[in-house]
Amino acid sequence: DRRIPDAMEETMPEIFPESSPGSFTY
């Protein structure tokens, strides 16, 4: 589920915010 991904994304900068936002994919 998204609990750990959401928590990790609080401190992880986005590398490609335009073309691939976030750091996890379903």
mmCIF file of all heavy atoms, coordinates in Angstrom:
data_MODEL
# 
_entry.id   MODEL 
# 
loop_
_atom_site.group_PDB 
_atom_site.id 
_atom_site.type_symbol 
_atom_site.label_atom_id 
_atom_site.label_alt_id 
_atom_site.label_comp_id 
_atom_site.label_asym_id 
_atom_site.label_entity_id 
_atom_site.label_seq_id 
_atom_site.pdbx_PDB_ins_code 
_atom_site.Cartn_x 
_atom_site.Cartn_y 
_atom_site.Cartn_z 
_atom_site.occupancy 
_atom_site.B_iso_or_equiv 
_atom_site.pdbx_formal_charge 
_atom_site.auth_seq_id 
_atom_site.auth_comp_id 
_atom_site.auth_asym_id 
_atom_site.auth_atom_id 
_atom_site.pdbx_PDB_model_num 
ATOM 1   N N   . ASP A 1 1  ? 0.856  -1.193 0.000   1.00 0.00 ? 1  ASP A N   1 
ATOM 2   C CA  . ASP A 1 1  ? 0.000  0.000  0.000   1.00 0.00 ? 1  ASP A CA  1 
ATOM 3   C C   . ASP A 1 1  ? 0.886  1.235  0.000   1.00 0.00 ? 1  ASP A C   1 
ATOM 4   O O   . ASP A 1 1  ? 2.115  1.144  -0.093  1.00 0.00 ? 1  ASP A O   1 
ATOM 5   C CB  . ASP A 1 1  ? -0.943 -0.011 1.213   1.00 0.00 ? 1  ASP A CB  1 
ATOM 6   C CG  . ASP A 1 1  ? -0.209 -0.156 2.533   1.00 0.00 ? 1  ASP A CG  1 
ATOM 7   O OD1 . ASP A 1 1  ? 0.791  0.577  2.732   1.00 0.00 ? 1  ASP A OD1 1 
ATOM 8   O OD2 . ASP A 1 1  ? -0.600 -1.000 3.368   1.00 0.00 ? 1  ASP A OD2 1 
ATOM 9   N N   . ARG A 1 2  ? 0.294  2.409  0.115   1.00 0.00 ? 2  ARG A N   1 
ATOM 10  C CA  . ARG A 1 2  ? 1.027  3.668  -0.019  1.00 0.00 ? 2  ARG A CA  1 
ATOM 11  C C   . ARG A 1 2  ? 1.604  4.190  1.295   1.00 0.00 ? 2  ARG A C   1 
ATOM 12  O O   . ARG A 1 2  ? 2.232  5.251  1.301   1.00 0.00 ? 2  ARG A O   1 
ATOM 13  C CB  . ARG A 1 2  ? 0.086  4.740  -0.592  1.00 0.00 ? 2  ARG A CB  1 
ATOM 14  C CG  . ARG A 1 2  ? -0.182 4.667  -2.074  1.00 0.00 ? 2  ARG A CG  1 
ATOM 15  C CD  . ARG A 1 2  ? 1.002  5.065  -2.935  1.00 0.00 ? 2  ARG A CD  1 
ATOM 16  N NE  . ARG A 1 2  ? 1.659  6.289  -2.558  1.00 0.00 ? 2  ARG A NE  1 
ATOM 17  C CZ  . ARG A 1 2  ? 2.624  6.875  -3.272  1.00 0.00 ? 2  ARG A CZ  1 
ATOM 18  N NH1 . ARG A 1 2  ? 3.018  6.328  -4.408  1.00 0.00 ? 2  ARG A NH1 1 
ATOM 19  N NH2 . ARG A 1 2  ? 3.196  7.977  -2.868  1.00 0.00 ? 2  ARG A NH2 1 
ATOM 20  N N   . ARG A 1 3  ? 1.454  3.479  2.387   1.00 0.00 ? 3  ARG A N   1 
ATOM 21  C CA  . ARG A 1 3  ? 1.890  4.050  3.669   1.00 0.00 ? 3  ARG A CA  1 
ATOM 22  C C   . ARG A 1 3  ? 3.393  4.339  3.676   1.00 0.00 ? 3  ARG A C   1 
ATOM 23  O O   . ARG A 1 3  ? 3.811  5.469  3.986   1.00 0.00 ? 3  ARG A O   1 
ATOM 24  C CB  . ARG A 1 3  ? 1.518  3.108  4.817   1.00 0.00 ? 3  ARG A CB  1 
ATOM 25  C CG  . ARG A 1 3  ? 0.029  3.123  5.183   1.00 0.00 ? 3  ARG A CG  1 
ATOM 26  C CD  . ARG A 1 3  ? -0.275 2.127  6.280   1.00 0.00 ? 3  ARG A CD  1 
ATOM 27  N NE  . ARG A 1 3  ? 0.007  0.751  5.837   1.00 0.00 ? 3  ARG A NE  1 
ATOM 28  C CZ  . ARG A 1 3  ? -0.049 -0.302 6.632   1.00 0.00 ? 3  ARG A CZ  1 
ATOM 29  N NH1 . ARG A 1 3  ? -0.341 -0.174 7.906   1.00 0.00 ? 3  ARG A NH1 1 
ATOM 30  N NH2 . ARG A 1 3  ? 0.197  -1.516 6.149   1.00 0.00 ? 3  ARG A NH2 1 
ATOM 31  N N   . ILE A 1 4  ? 4.197  3.340  3.383   1.00 0.00 ? 4  ILE A N   1 
ATOM 32  C CA  . ILE A 1 4  ? 5.648  3.561  3.384   1.00 0.00 ? 4  ILE A CA  1 
ATOM 33  C C   . ILE A 1 4  ? 6.071  4.474  2.235   1.00 0.00 ? 4  ILE A C   1 
ATOM 34  O O   . ILE A 1 4  ? 6.858  5.417  2.449   1.00 0.00 ? 4  ILE A O   1 
ATOM 35  C CB  . ILE A 1 4  ? 6.401  2.223  3.368   1.00 0.00 ? 4  ILE A CB  1 
ATOM 36  C CG1 . ILE A 1 4  ? 6.191  1.488  4.700   1.00 0.00 ? 4  ILE A CG1 1 
ATOM 37  C CG2 . ILE A 1 4  ? 7.893  2.438  3.109   1.00 0.00 ? 4  ILE A CG2 1 
ATOM 38  C CD1 . ILE A 1 4  ? 6.818  0.113  4.773   1.00 0.00 ? 4  ILE A CD1 1 
ATOM 39  N N   . PRO A 1 5  ? 5.596  4.258  1.002   1.00 0.00 ? 5  PRO A N   1 
ATOM 40  C CA  . PRO A 1 5  ? 5.941  5.208  -0.055  1.00 0.00 ? 5  PRO A CA  1 
ATOM 41  C C   . PRO A 1 5  ? 5.608  6.660  0.281   1.00 0.00 ? 5  PRO A C   1 
ATOM 42  O O   . PRO A 1 5  ? 6.421  7.560  0.032   1.00 0.00 ? 5  PRO A O   1 
ATOM 43  C CB  . PRO A 1 5  ? 5.118  4.701  -1.254  1.00 0.00 ? 5  PRO A CB  1 
ATOM 44  C CG  . PRO A 1 5  ? 5.031  3.227  -1.032  1.00 0.00 ? 5  PRO A CG  1 
ATOM 45  C CD  . PRO A 1 5  ? 4.879  3.082  0.459   1.00 0.00 ? 5  PRO A CD  1 
ATOM 46  N N   . ASP A 1 6  ? 4.434  6.900  0.861   1.00 0.00 ? 6  ASP A N   1 
ATOM 47  C CA  . ASP A 1 6  ? 4.067  8.274  1.226   1.00 0.00 ? 6  ASP A CA  1 
ATOM 48  C C   . ASP A 1 6  ? 5.040  8.848  2.251   1.00 0.00 ? 6  ASP A C   1 
ATOM 49  O O   . ASP A 1 6  ? 5.451  10.015 2.156   1.00 0.00 ? 6  ASP A O   1 
ATOM 50  C CB  . ASP A 1 6  ? 2.647  8.313  1.787   1.00 0.00 ? 6  ASP A CB  1 
ATOM 51  C CG  . ASP A 1 6  ? 1.589  8.168  0.700   1.00 0.00 ? 6  ASP A CG  1 
ATOM 52  O OD1 . ASP A 1 6  ? 1.921  8.344  -0.481  1.00 0.00 ? 6  ASP A OD1 1 
ATOM 53  O OD2 . ASP A 1 6  ? 0.427  7.860  1.047   1.00 0.00 ? 6  ASP A OD2 1 
ATOM 54  N N   . ALA A 1 7  ? 5.399  8.019  3.225   1.00 0.00 ? 7  ALA A N   1 
ATOM 55  C CA  . ALA A 1 7  ? 6.322  8.483  4.267   1.00 0.00 ? 7  ALA A CA  1 
ATOM 56  C C   . ALA A 1 7  ? 7.706  8.774  3.680   1.00 0.00 ? 7  ALA A C   1 
ATOM 57  O O   . ALA A 1 7  ? 8.343  9.780  4.035   1.00 0.00 ? 7  ALA A O   1 
ATOM 58  C CB  . ALA A 1 7  ? 6.425  7.431  5.374   1.00 0.00 ? 7  ALA A CB  1 
ATOM 59  N N   . MET A 1 8  ? 8.165  7.929  2.766   1.00 0.00 ? 8  MET A N   1 
ATOM 60  C CA  . MET A 1 8  ? 9.487  8.132  2.184   1.00 0.00 ? 8  MET A CA  1 
ATOM 61  C C   . MET A 1 8  ? 9.516  9.345  1.268   1.00 0.00 ? 8  MET A C   1 
ATOM 62  O O   . MET A 1 8  ? 10.513 10.089 1.231   1.00 0.00 ? 8  MET A O   1 
ATOM 63  C CB  . MET A 1 8  ? 9.930  6.873  1.425   1.00 0.00 ? 8  MET A CB  1 
ATOM 64  C CG  . MET A 1 8  ? 10.152 5.665  2.333   1.00 0.00 ? 8  MET A CG  1 
ATOM 65  S SD  . MET A 1 8  ? 10.913 4.254  1.497   1.00 0.00 ? 8  MET A SD  1 
ATOM 66  C CE  . MET A 1 8  ? 12.621 4.802  1.383   1.00 0.00 ? 8  MET A CE  1 
ATOM 67  N N   . GLU A 1 9  ? 8.427  9.571  0.543   1.00 0.00 ? 9  GLU A N   1 
ATOM 68  C CA  . GLU A 1 9  ? 8.413  10.695 -0.388  1.00 0.00 ? 9  GLU A CA  1 
ATOM 69  C C   . GLU A 1 9  ? 8.404  12.050 0.309   1.00 0.00 ? 9  GLU A C   1 
ATOM 70  O O   . GLU A 1 9  ? 8.695  13.072 -0.319  1.00 0.00 ? 9  GLU A O   1 
ATOM 71  C CB  . GLU A 1 9  ? 7.215  10.580 -1.339  1.00 0.00 ? 9  GLU A CB  1 
ATOM 72  C CG  . GLU A 1 9  ? 7.435  9.537  -2.429  1.00 0.00 ? 9  GLU A CG  1 
ATOM 73  C CD  . GLU A 1 9  ? 6.314  9.504  -3.444  1.00 0.00 ? 9  GLU A CD  1 
ATOM 74  O OE1 . GLU A 1 9  ? 5.225  10.055 -3.156  1.00 0.00 ? 9  GLU A OE1 1 
ATOM 75  O OE2 . GLU A 1 9  ? 6.521  8.912  -4.525  1.00 0.00 ? 9  GLU A OE2 1 
ATOM 76  N N   . GLU A 1 10 ? 8.127  12.060 1.604   1.00 0.00 ? 10 GLU A N   1 
ATOM 77  C CA  . GLU A 1 10 ? 8.186  13.319 2.347   1.00 0.00 ? 10 GLU A CA  1 
ATOM 78  C C   . GLU A 1 10 ? 9.598  13.889 2.372   1.00 0.00 ? 10 GLU A C   1 
ATOM 79  O O   . GLU A 1 10 ? 9.779  15.108 2.479   1.00 0.00 ? 10 GLU A O   1 
ATOM 80  C CB  . GLU A 1 10 ? 7.676  13.111 3.782   1.00 0.00 ? 10 GLU A CB  1 
ATOM 81  C CG  . GLU A 1 10 ? 6.165  12.907 3.869   1.00 0.00 ? 10 GLU A CG  1 
ATOM 82  C CD  . GLU A 1 10 ? 5.703  12.770 5.311   1.00 0.00 ? 10 GLU A CD  1 
ATOM 83  O OE1 . GLU A 1 10 ? 6.532  13.001 6.229   1.00 0.00 ? 10 GLU A OE1 1 
ATOM 84  O OE2 . GLU A 1 10 ? 4.526  12.425 5.529   1.00 0.00 ? 10 GLU A OE2 1 
ATOM 85  N N   . THR A 1 11 ? 10.600 13.014 2.281   1.00 0.00 ? 11 THR A N   1 
ATOM 86  C CA  . THR A 1 11 ? 11.992 13.479 2.366   1.00 0.00 ? 11 THR A CA  1 
ATOM 87  C C   . THR A 1 11 ? 12.798 13.202 1.107   1.00 0.00 ? 11 THR A C   1 
ATOM 88  O O   . THR A 1 11 ? 13.974 13.541 1.037   1.00 0.00 ? 11 THR A O   1 
ATOM 89  C CB  . THR A 1 11 ? 12.704 12.816 3.560   1.00 0.00 ? 11 THR A CB  1 
ATOM 90  O OG1 . THR A 1 11 ? 12.591 11.389 3.450   1.00 0.00 ? 11 THR A OG1 1 
ATOM 91  C CG2 . THR A 1 11 ? 12.102 13.276 4.879   1.00 0.00 ? 11 THR A CG2 1 
ATOM 92  N N   . MET A 1 12 ? 12.178 12.587 0.098   1.00 0.00 ? 12 MET A N   1 
ATOM 93  C CA  . MET A 1 12 ? 12.890 12.258 -1.146  1.00 0.00 ? 12 MET A CA  1 
ATOM 94  C C   . MET A 1 12 ? 12.598 13.310 -2.211  1.00 0.00 ? 12 MET A C   1 
ATOM 95  O O   . MET A 1 12 ? 11.448 13.513 -2.582  1.00 0.00 ? 12 MET A O   1 
ATOM 96  C CB  . MET A 1 12 ? 12.456 10.876 -1.669  1.00 0.00 ? 12 MET A CB  1 
ATOM 97  C CG  . MET A 1 12 ? 12.885 9.729  -0.806  1.00 0.00 ? 12 MET A CG  1 
ATOM 98  S SD  . MET A 1 12 ? 12.212 8.139  -1.405  1.00 0.00 ? 12 MET A SD  1 
ATOM 99  C CE  . MET A 1 12 ? 13.147 7.946  -2.935  1.00 0.00 ? 12 MET A CE  1 
ATOM 100 N N   . PRO A 1 13 ? 13.622 13.994 -2.723  1.00 0.00 ? 13 PRO A N   1 
ATOM 101 C CA  . PRO A 1 13 ? 13.379 14.962 -3.804  1.00 0.00 ? 13 PRO A CA  1 
ATOM 102 C C   . PRO A 1 13 ? 13.019 14.241 -5.096  1.00 0.00 ? 13 PRO A C   1 
ATOM 103 O O   . PRO A 1 13 ? 13.423 13.104 -5.342  1.00 0.00 ? 13 PRO A O   1 
ATOM 104 C CB  . PRO A 1 13 ? 14.724 15.686 -3.941  1.00 0.00 ? 13 PRO A CB  1 
ATOM 105 C CG  . PRO A 1 13 ? 15.732 14.724 -3.399  1.00 0.00 ? 13 PRO A CG  1 
ATOM 106 C CD  . PRO A 1 13 ? 15.040 13.941 -2.325  1.00 0.00 ? 13 PRO A CD  1 
ATOM 107 N N   . GLU A 1 14 ? 12.229 14.900 -5.946  1.00 0.00 ? 14 GLU A N   1 
ATOM 108 C CA  . GLU A 1 14 ? 11.847 14.321 -7.233  1.00 0.00 ? 14 GLU A CA  1 
ATOM 109 C C   . GLU A 1 14 ? 12.971 14.549 -8.243  1.00 0.00 ? 14 GLU A C   1 
ATOM 110 O O   . GLU A 1 14 ? 13.512 15.647 -8.350  1.00 0.00 ? 14 GLU A O   1 
ATOM 111 C CB  . GLU A 1 14 ? 10.561 14.960 -7.741  1.00 0.00 ? 14 GLU A CB  1 
ATOM 112 C CG  . GLU A 1 14 ? 9.333  14.632 -6.894  1.00 0.00 ? 14 GLU A CG  1 
ATOM 113 C CD  . GLU A 1 14 ? 8.093  15.358 -7.392  1.00 0.00 ? 14 GLU A CD  1 
ATOM 114 O OE1 . GLU A 1 14 ? 8.112  16.600 -7.395  1.00 0.00 ? 14 GLU A OE1 1 
ATOM 115 O OE2 . GLU A 1 14 ? 7.126  14.678 -7.766  1.00 0.00 ? 14 GLU A OE2 1 
ATOM 116 N N   . ILE A 1 15 ? 13.300 13.527 -9.012  1.00 0.00 ? 15 ILE A N   1 
ATOM 117 C CA  . ILE A 1 15 ? 14.367 13.640 -10.002 1.00 0.00 ? 15 ILE A CA  1 
ATOM 118 C C   . ILE A 1 15 ? 13.829 14.202 -11.311 1.00 0.00 ? 15 ILE A C   1 
ATOM 119 O O   . ILE A 1 15 ? 14.427 15.088 -11.912 1.00 0.00 ? 15 ILE A O   1 
ATOM 120 C CB  . ILE A 1 15 ? 15.035 12.266 -10.237 1.00 0.00 ? 15 ILE A CB  1 
ATOM 121 C CG1 . ILE A 1 15 ? 15.524 11.675 -8.907  1.00 0.00 ? 15 ILE A CG1 1 
ATOM 122 C CG2 . ILE A 1 15 ? 16.182 12.401 -11.226 1.00 0.00 ? 15 ILE A CG2 1 
ATOM 123 C CD1 . ILE A 1 15 ? 16.475 12.552 -8.138  1.00 0.00 ? 15 ILE A CD1 1 
ATOM 124 N N   . PHE A 1 16 ? 12.705 13.666 -11.775 1.00 0.00 ? 16 PHE A N   1 
ATOM 125 C CA  . PHE A 1 16 ? 12.087 14.156 -13.013 1.00 0.00 ? 16 PHE A CA  1 
ATOM 126 C C   . PHE A 1 16 ? 10.649 14.592 -12.703 1.00 0.00 ? 16 PHE A C   1 
ATOM 127 O O   . PHE A 1 16 ? 9.686  13.900 -13.020 1.00 0.00 ? 16 PHE A O   1 
ATOM 128 C CB  . PHE A 1 16 ? 12.086 13.060 -14.080 1.00 0.00 ? 16 PHE A CB  1 
ATOM 129 C CG  . PHE A 1 16 ? 13.455 12.632 -14.520 1.00 0.00 ? 16 PHE A CG  1 
ATOM 130 C CD1 . PHE A 1 16 ? 13.841 11.300 -14.449 1.00 0.00 ? 16 PHE A CD1 1 
ATOM 131 C CD2 . PHE A 1 16 ? 14.360 13.555 -15.003 1.00 0.00 ? 16 PHE A CD2 1 
ATOM 132 C CE1 . PHE A 1 16 ? 15.101 10.901 -14.851 1.00 0.00 ? 16 PHE A CE1 1 
ATOM 133 C CE2 . PHE A 1 16 ? 15.631 13.172 -15.411 1.00 0.00 ? 16 PHE A CE2 1 
ATOM 134 C CZ  . PHE A 1 16 ? 16.002 11.838 -15.333 1.00 0.00 ? 16 PHE A CZ  1 
ATOM 135 N N   . PRO A 1 17 ? 10.487 15.754 -12.074 1.00 0.00 ? 17 PRO A N   1 
ATOM 136 C CA  . PRO A 1 17 ? 9.149  16.170 -11.639 1.00 0.00 ? 17 PRO A CA  1 
ATOM 137 C C   . PRO A 1 17 ? 8.171  16.394 -12.787 1.00 0.00 ? 17 PRO A C   1 
ATOM 138 O O   . PRO A 1 17 ? 6.958  16.280 -12.590 1.00 0.00 ? 17 PRO A O   1 
ATOM 139 C CB  . PRO A 1 17 ? 9.420  17.472 -10.882 1.00 0.00 ? 17 PRO A CB  1 
ATOM 140 C CG  . PRO A 1 17 ? 10.744 17.948 -11.387 1.00 0.00 ? 17 PRO A CG  1 
ATOM 141 C CD  . PRO A 1 17 ? 11.524 16.728 -11.702 1.00 0.00 ? 17 PRO A CD  1 
ATOM 142 N N   . GLU A 1 18 ? 8.682  16.722 -13.975 1.00 0.00 ? 18 GLU A N   1 
ATOM 143 C CA  . GLU A 1 18 ? 7.784  16.966 -15.112 1.00 0.00 ? 18 GLU A CA  1 
ATOM 144 C C   . GLU A 1 18 ? 7.291  15.663 -15.726 1.00 0.00 ? 18 GLU A C   1 
ATOM 145 O O   . GLU A 1 18 ? 6.089  15.445 -15.883 1.00 0.00 ? 18 GLU A O   1 
ATOM 146 C CB  . GLU A 1 18 ? 8.512  17.786 -16.182 1.00 0.00 ? 18 GLU A CB  1 
ATOM 147 C CG  . GLU A 1 18 ? 8.801  19.220 -15.796 1.00 0.00 ? 18 GLU A CG  1 
ATOM 148 C CD  . GLU A 1 18 ? 9.568  19.925 -16.897 1.00 0.00 ? 18 GLU A CD  1 
ATOM 149 O OE1 . GLU A 1 18 ? 10.707 19.523 -17.199 1.00 0.00 ? 18 GLU A OE1 1 
ATOM 150 O OE2 . GLU A 1 18 ? 9.021  20.887 -17.463 1.00 0.00 ? 18 GLU A OE2 1 
ATOM 151 N N   . SER A 1 19 ? 8.241  14.783 -16.078 1.00 0.00 ? 19 SER A N   1 
ATOM 152 C CA  . SER A 1 19 ? 7.885  13.586 -16.836 1.00 0.00 ? 19 SER A CA  1 
ATOM 153 C C   . SER A 1 19 ? 7.603  12.374 -15.963 1.00 0.00 ? 19 SER A C   1 
ATOM 154 O O   . SER A 1 19 ? 6.915  11.444 -16.393 1.00 0.00 ? 19 SER A O   1 
ATOM 155 C CB  . SER A 1 19 ? 9.011  13.235 -17.821 1.00 0.00 ? 19 SER A CB  1 
ATOM 156 O OG  . SER A 1 19 ? 10.227 13.010 -17.131 1.00 0.00 ? 19 SER A OG  1 
ATOM 157 N N   . SER A 1 20 ? 8.123  12.365 -14.735 1.00 0.00 ? 20 SER A N   1 
ATOM 158 C CA  . SER A 1 20 ? 7.939  11.191 -13.873 1.00 0.00 ? 20 SER A CA  1 
ATOM 159 C C   . SER A 1 20 ? 7.879  11.623 -12.413 1.00 0.00 ? 20 SER A C   1 
ATOM 160 O O   . SER A 1 20 ? 8.791  11.354 -11.629 1.00 0.00 ? 20 SER A O   1 
ATOM 161 C CB  . SER A 1 20 ? 9.080  10.194 -14.101 1.00 0.00 ? 20 SER A CB  1 
ATOM 162 O OG  . SER A 1 20 ? 8.791  8.946  -13.523 1.00 0.00 ? 20 SER A OG  1 
ATOM 163 N N   . PRO A 1 21 ? 6.812  12.306 -12.016 1.00 0.00 ? 21 PRO A N   1 
ATOM 164 C CA  . PRO A 1 21 ? 6.728  12.809 -10.638 1.00 0.00 ? 21 PRO A CA  1 
ATOM 165 C C   . PRO A 1 21 ? 6.645  11.677 -9.623  1.00 0.00 ? 21 PRO A C   1 
ATOM 166 O O   . PRO A 1 21 ? 6.173  10.582 -9.922  1.00 0.00 ? 21 PRO A O   1 
ATOM 167 C CB  . PRO A 1 21 ? 5.443  13.640 -10.657 1.00 0.00 ? 21 PRO A CB  1 
ATOM 168 C CG  . PRO A 1 21 ? 4.636  13.077 -11.786 1.00 0.00 ? 21 PRO A CG  1 
ATOM 169 C CD  . PRO A 1 21 ? 5.622  12.636 -12.808 1.00 0.00 ? 21 PRO A CD  1 
ATOM 170 N N   . GLY A 1 22 ? 7.116  11.973 -8.422  1.00 0.00 ? 22 GLY A N   1 
ATOM 171 C CA  . GLY A 1 22 ? 7.085  10.968 -7.360  1.00 0.00 ? 22 GLY A CA  1 
ATOM 172 C C   . GLY A 1 22 ? 8.211  9.966  -7.499  1.00 0.00 ? 22 GLY A C   1 
ATOM 173 O O   . GLY A 1 22 ? 8.994  9.992  -8.445  1.00 0.00 ? 22 GLY A O   1 
ATOM 174 N N   . SER A 1 23 ? 8.289  9.041  -6.525  1.00 0.00 ? 23 SER A N   1 
ATOM 175 C CA  . SER A 1 23 ? 9.362  8.049  -6.501  1.00 0.00 ? 23 SER A CA  1 
ATOM 176 C C   . SER A 1 23 ? 8.853  6.616  -6.445  1.00 0.00 ? 23 SER A C   1 
ATOM 177 O O   . SER A 1 23 ? 9.639  5.685  -6.230  1.00 0.00 ? 23 SER A O   1 
ATOM 178 C CB  . SER A 1 23 ? 10.276 8.304  -5.285  1.00 0.00 ? 23 SER A CB  1 
ATOM 179 O OG  . SER A 1 23 ? 10.908 9.563  -5.382  1.00 0.00 ? 23 SER A OG  1 
ATOM 180 N N   . PHE A 1 24 ? 7.547  6.427  -6.641  1.00 0.00 ? 24 PHE A N   1 
ATOM 181 C CA  . PHE A 1 24 ? 6.962  5.081  -6.597  1.00 0.00 ? 24 PHE A CA  1 
ATOM 182 C C   . PHE A 1 24 ? 5.928  4.945  -7.717  1.00 0.00 ? 24 PHE A C   1 
ATOM 183 O O   . PHE A 1 24 ? 5.257  5.918  -8.077  1.00 0.00 ? 24 PHE A O   1 
ATOM 184 C CB  . PHE A 1 24 ? 6.305  4.808  -5.240  1.00 0.00 ? 24 PHE A CB  1 
ATOM 185 C CG  . PHE A 1 24 ? 7.292  4.729  -4.109  1.00 0.00 ? 24 PHE A CG  1 
ATOM 186 C CD1 . PHE A 1 24 ? 7.721  5.885  -3.468  1.00 0.00 ? 24 PHE A CD1 1 
ATOM 187 C CD2 . PHE A 1 24 ? 7.803  3.505  -3.696  1.00 0.00 ? 24 PHE A CD2 1 
ATOM 188 C CE1 . PHE A 1 24 ? 8.644  5.824  -2.430  1.00 0.00 ? 24 PHE A CE1 1 
ATOM 189 C CE2 . PHE A 1 24 ? 8.719  3.436  -2.670  1.00 0.00 ? 24 PHE A CE2 1 
ATOM 190 C CZ  . PHE A 1 24 ? 9.145  4.587  -2.026  1.00 0.00 ? 24 PHE A CZ  1 
ATOM 191 N N   . THR A 1 25 ? 5.820  3.731  -8.251  1.00 0.00 ? 25 THR A N   1 
ATOM 192 C CA  . THR A 1 25 ? 4.887  3.450  -9.342  1.00 0.00 ? 25 THR A CA  1 
ATOM 193 C C   . THR A 1 25 ? 4.065  2.210  -8.995  1.00 0.00 ? 25 THR A C   1 
ATOM 194 O O   . THR A 1 25 ? 4.623  1.201  -8.525  1.00 0.00 ? 25 THR A O   1 
ATOM 195 C CB  . THR A 1 25 ? 5.655  3.219  -10.660 1.00 0.00 ? 25 THR A CB  1 
ATOM 196 O OG1 . THR A 1 25 ? 6.375  4.405  -10.992 1.00 0.00 ? 25 THR A OG1 1 
ATOM 197 C CG2 . THR A 1 25 ? 4.707  2.872  -11.792 1.00 0.00 ? 25 THR A CG2 1 
ATOM 198 N N   . TYR A 1 26 ? 2.777  2.287  -9.255  1.00 0.00 ? 26 TYR A N   1 
ATOM 199 C CA  . TYR A 1 26 ? 1.887  1.151  -8.969  1.00 0.00 ? 26 TYR A CA  1 
ATOM 200 C C   . TYR A 1 26 ? 1.952  0.145  -10.116 1.00 0.00 ? 26 TYR A C   1 
ATOM 201 O O   . TYR A 1 26 ? 1.851  0.502  -11.292 1.00 0.00 ? 26 TYR A O   1 
ATOM 202 C CB  . TYR A 1 26 ? 0.452  1.640  -8.793  1.00 0.00 ? 26 TYR A CB  1 
ATOM 203 C CG  . TYR A 1 26 ? -0.541 0.531  -8.526  1.00 0.00 ? 26 TYR A CG  1 
ATOM 204 C CD1 . TYR A 1 26 ? -0.509 -0.183 -7.325  1.00 0.00 ? 26 TYR A CD1 1 
ATOM 205 C CD2 . TYR A 1 26 ? -1.497 0.198  -9.475  1.00 0.00 ? 26 TYR A CD2 1 
ATOM 206 C CE1 . TYR A 1 26 ? -1.422 -1.203 -7.085  1.00 0.00 ? 26 TYR A CE1 1 
ATOM 207 C CE2 . TYR A 1 26 ? -2.418 -0.815 -9.242  1.00 0.00 ? 26 TYR A CE2 1 
ATOM 208 C CZ  . TYR A 1 26 ? -2.366 -1.515 -8.039  1.00 0.00 ? 26 TYR A CZ  1 
ATOM 209 O OH  . TYR A 1 26 ? -3.258 -2.524 -7.811  1.00 0.00 ? 26 TYR A OH  1 
# 
